[in-house]
Amino acid sequence: MTADATLLLTALVIVPLVILWIAALLHIVVRRPDLSFGRKALWSGLVVLVPYVGVLVYAALRPPRRPTPTGGEDQTAAGAAIEELAQLVDDHDVGAITDEEFSQRKAAVFGLAGQTG
């Protein structure tokens, strides 16, 4: 095998697999609050000792995630602000509010009361 072929093999195969291995390990340890410490240690050990098989087994057998309590709707303040801005743009486009009213209401949505822009 030439040096160019070895470098290409490393860049196209090994590097992405190592990145996936690290991502799976971080997902187990950091992002899974539903797993106990013992189960995290077991999965992490499996992923570390048998990297590629461990990642595939974890992806296939991991417990399902619990549904979100919001039912998939965005109930955050940012979501409400985005909806309000979309309504303002619609009202402005159809002529229901003037440019000045649009600027004032937009500033209020961003918390910039008294400023226009």
C-alpha atoms as a PDB file:
ATOM      1  CA  MET A   1       0.000   0.000   0.000  1.00  0.00           C
ATOM      2  CA  THR A   2       1.390   3.393  -0.941  1.00  0.00           C
ATOM      3  CA  ALA A   3       1.576   6.361   1.368  1.00  0.00           C
ATOM      4  CA  ASP A   4      -1.168   8.149  -0.593  1.00  0.00           C
ATOM      5  CA  ALA A   5      -3.520   5.167  -0.297  1.00  0.00           C
ATOM      6  CA  THR A   6      -2.871   4.904   3.427  1.00  0.00           C
ATOM      7  CA  LEU A   7      -3.574   8.593   3.918  1.00  0.00           C
ATOM      8  CA  LEU A   8      -6.764   8.360   1.874  1.00  0.00           C
ATOM      9  CA  LEU A   9      -7.920   5.301   3.866  1.00  0.00           C
ATOM     10  CA  THR A  10      -7.281   7.156   7.102  1.00  0.00           C
ATOM     11  CA  ALA A  11      -9.089  10.285   5.979  1.00  0.00           C
ATOM     12  CA  LEU A  12     -12.147   8.589   4.484  1.00  0.00           C
ATOM     13  CA  VAL A  13     -12.731   5.620   6.777  1.00  0.00           C
ATOM     14  CA  ILE A  14     -10.922   5.716  10.074  1.00  0.00           C
ATOM     15  CA  VAL A  15     -11.412   9.404  10.993  1.00  0.00           C
ATOM     16  CA  PRO A  16     -15.235   9.358  10.558  1.00  0.00           C
ATOM     17  CA  LEU A  17     -15.490   6.107  12.521  1.00  0.00           C
ATOM     18  CA  VAL A  18     -13.453   7.581  15.373  1.00  0.00           C
ATOM     19  CA  ILE A  19     -15.685  10.666  15.376  1.00  0.00           C
ATOM     20  CA  LEU A  20     -18.798   8.444  15.554  1.00  0.00           C
ATOM     21  CA  TRP A  21     -17.225   6.429  18.374  1.00  0.00           C
ATOM     22  CA  ILE A  22     -16.519   9.584  20.408  1.00  0.00           C
ATOM     23  CA  ALA A  23     -20.014  10.948  19.716  1.00  0.00           C
ATOM     24  CA  ALA A  24     -21.639   7.709  20.918  1.00  0.00           C
ATOM     25  CA  LEU A  25     -19.521   7.680  24.065  1.00  0.00           C
ATOM     26  CA  LEU A  26     -20.401  11.307  24.862  1.00  0.00           C
ATOM     27  CA  HIS A  27     -24.074  10.600  24.168  1.00  0.00           C
ATOM     28  CA  ILE A  28     -24.047   7.758  26.691  1.00  0.00           C
ATOM     29  CA  VAL A  29     -22.167   9.600  29.421  1.00  0.00           C
ATOM     30  CA  VAL A  30     -23.521  13.133  29.067  1.00  0.00           C
ATOM     31  CA  ARG A  31     -26.867  13.190  27.287  1.00  0.00           C
ATOM     32  CA  ARG A  32     -28.712  10.180  28.744  1.00  0.00           C
ATOM     33  CA  PRO A  33     -30.134  11.181  32.135  1.00  0.00           C
ATOM     34  CA  ASP A  34     -32.493   8.186  32.063  1.00  0.00           C
ATOM     35  CA  LEU A  35     -29.609   5.694  32.439  1.00  0.00           C
ATOM     36  CA  SER A  36     -28.248   4.893  35.880  1.00  0.00           C
ATOM     37  CA  PHE A  37     -24.544   5.212  36.638  1.00  0.00           C
ATOM     38  CA  GLY A  38     -24.094   1.439  36.389  1.00  0.00           C
ATOM     39  CA  ARG A  39     -25.797   1.231  32.987  1.00  0.00           C
ATOM     40  CA  LYS A  40     -23.761   4.202  31.722  1.00  0.00           C
ATOM     41  CA  ALA A  41     -20.576   2.472  32.900  1.00  0.00           C
ATOM     42  CA  LEU A  42     -21.629  -0.784  31.215  1.00  0.00           C
ATOM     43  CA  TRP A  43     -22.469   0.889  27.878  1.00  0.00           C
ATOM     44  CA  SER A  44     -19.337   3.056  28.011  1.00  0.00           C
ATOM     45  CA  GLY A  45     -17.186  -0.006  28.688  1.00  0.00           C
ATOM     46  CA  LEU A  46     -18.768  -1.843  25.788  1.00  0.00           C
ATOM     47  CA  VAL A  47     -18.230   1.114  23.457  1.00  0.00           C
ATOM     48  CA  VAL A  48     -14.620   1.577  24.593  1.00  0.00           C
ATOM     49  CA  LEU A  49     -13.671  -2.111  24.475  1.00  0.00           C
ATOM     50  CA  VAL A  50     -15.442  -3.002  21.252  1.00  0.00           C
ATOM     51  CA  PRO A  51     -15.740   0.345  19.486  1.00  0.00           C
ATOM     52  CA  TYR A  52     -17.575  -0.414  16.296  1.00  0.00           C
ATOM     53  CA  VAL A  53     -19.692  -3.322  17.471  1.00  0.00           C
ATOM     54  CA  GLY A  54     -20.468  -1.470  20.689  1.00  0.00           C
ATOM     55  CA  VAL A  55     -21.708   1.586  18.807  1.00  0.00           C
ATOM     56  CA  LEU A  56     -23.941  -0.522  16.551  1.00  0.00           C
ATOM     57  CA  VAL A  57     -25.334  -2.542  19.482  1.00  0.00           C
ATOM     58  CA  TYR A  58     -26.002   0.624  21.478  1.00  0.00           C
ATOM     59  CA  ALA A  59     -27.766   2.281  18.535  1.00  0.00           C
ATOM     60  CA  ALA A  60     -29.934  -0.803  18.008  1.00  0.00           C
ATOM     61  CA  LEU A  61     -30.768  -1.579  21.651  1.00  0.00           C
ATOM     62  CA  ARG A  62     -30.889   1.788  23.381  1.00  0.00           C
ATOM     63  CA  PRO A  63     -34.082   2.478  25.332  1.00  0.00           C
ATOM     64  CA  PRO A  64     -36.631   4.705  23.601  1.00  0.00           C
ATOM     65  CA  ARG A  65     -36.821   8.327  24.668  1.00  0.00           C
ATOM     66  CA  ARG A  66     -39.747   9.573  26.671  1.00  0.00           C
ATOM     67  CA  PRO A  67     -42.205  11.835  24.830  1.00  0.00           C
ATOM     68  CA  THR A  68     -41.873  15.547  25.502  1.00  0.00           C
ATOM     69  CA  PRO A  69     -44.465  16.992  27.904  1.00  0.00           C
ATOM     70  CA  THR A  70     -45.268  19.823  25.499  1.00  0.00           C
ATOM     71  CA  GLY A  71     -46.574  17.483  22.830  1.00  0.00           C
ATOM     72  CA  GLY A  72     -44.038  18.736  20.304  1.00  0.00           C
ATOM     73  CA  GLU A  73     -45.229  22.332  20.390  1.00  0.00           C
ATOM     74  CA  ASP A  74     -42.687  25.043  21.047  1.00  0.00           C
ATOM     75  CA  GLN A  75     -43.833  26.621  24.333  1.00  0.00           C
ATOM     76  CA  THR A  76     -40.674  28.609  24.998  1.00  0.00           C
ATOM     77  CA  ALA A  77     -40.468  32.373  25.111  1.00  0.00           C
ATOM     78  CA  ALA A  78     -38.479  32.298  21.875  1.00  0.00           C
ATOM     79  CA  GLY A  79     -41.214  30.277  20.183  1.00  0.00           C
ATOM     80  CA  ALA A  80     -43.849  32.752  21.307  1.00  0.00           C
ATOM     81  CA  ALA A  81     -41.745  35.681  20.072  1.00  0.00           C
ATOM     82  CA  ILE A  82     -41.247  34.014  16.692  1.00  0.00           C
ATOM     83  CA  GLU A  83     -44.977  33.446  16.328  1.00  0.00           C
ATOM     84  CA  GLU A  84     -45.712  37.051  17.310  1.00  0.00           C
ATOM     85  CA  LEU A  85     -43.147  38.371  14.821  1.00  0.00           C
ATOM     86  CA  ALA A  86     -44.621  36.218  12.050  1.00  0.00           C
ATOM     87  CA  GLN A  87     -48.085  37.624  12.815  1.00  0.00           C
ATOM     88  CA  LEU A  88     -46.694  41.177  12.770  1.00  0.00           C
ATOM     89  CA  VAL A  89     -45.072  40.606   9.383  1.00  0.00           C
ATOM     90  CA  ASP A  90     -48.325  39.189   8.009  1.00  0.00           C
ATOM     91  CA  ASP A  91     -50.319  42.156   9.350  1.00  0.00           C
ATOM     92  CA  HIS A  92     -47.778  44.583   7.896  1.00  0.00           C
ATOM     93  CA  ASP A  93     -47.737  42.865   4.503  1.00  0.00           C
ATOM     94  CA  VAL A  94     -51.513  43.050   4.129  1.00  0.00           C
ATOM     95  CA  GLY A  95     -51.589  46.668   5.302  1.00  0.00           C
ATOM     96  CA  ALA A  96     -53.378  46.067   8.602  1.00  0.00           C
ATOM     97  CA  ILE A  97     -50.694  48.038  10.473  1.00  0.00           C
ATOM     98  CA  THR A  98     -48.532  50.967   9.412  1.00  0.00           C
ATOM     99  CA  ASP A  99     -44.751  51.007   9.207  1.00  0.00           C
ATOM    100  CA  GLU A 100     -44.579  52.957  12.469  1.00  0.00           C
ATOM    101  CA  GLU A 101     -46.886  50.531  14.303  1.00  0.00           C
ATOM    102  CA  PHE A 102     -44.874  47.637  12.925  1.00  0.00           C
ATOM    103  CA  SER A 103     -41.611  49.134  14.219  1.00  0.00           C
ATOM    104  CA  GLN A 104     -43.090  49.841  17.654  1.00  0.00           C
ATOM    105  CA  ARG A 105     -44.587  46.367  18.046  1.00  0.00           C
ATOM    106  CA  LYS A 106     -41.409  44.719  16.775  1.00  0.00           C
ATOM    107  CA  ALA A 107     -39.367  46.666  19.351  1.00  0.00           C
ATOM    108  CA  ALA A 108     -41.796  45.543  22.066  1.00  0.00           C
ATOM    109  CA  VAL A 109     -41.367  41.886  21.041  1.00  0.00           C
ATOM    110  CA  PHE A 110     -37.591  42.231  21.338  1.00  0.00           C
ATOM    111  CA  GLY A 111     -37.943  44.027  24.674  1.00  0.00           C
ATOM    112  CA  LEU A 112     -36.784  47.330  23.256  1.00  0.00           C
ATOM    113  CA  ALA A 113     -39.799  49.415  24.287  1.00  0.00           C
ATOM    114  CA  GLY A 114     -39.370  53.070  23.462  1.00  0.00           C
ATOM    115  CA  GLN A 115     -36.885  52.315  20.674  1.00  0.00           C
ATOM    116  CA  THR A 116     -37.735  51.865  17.018  1.00  0.00           C
ATOM    117  CA  GLY A 117     -35.732  50.147  14.367  1.00  0.00           C
END
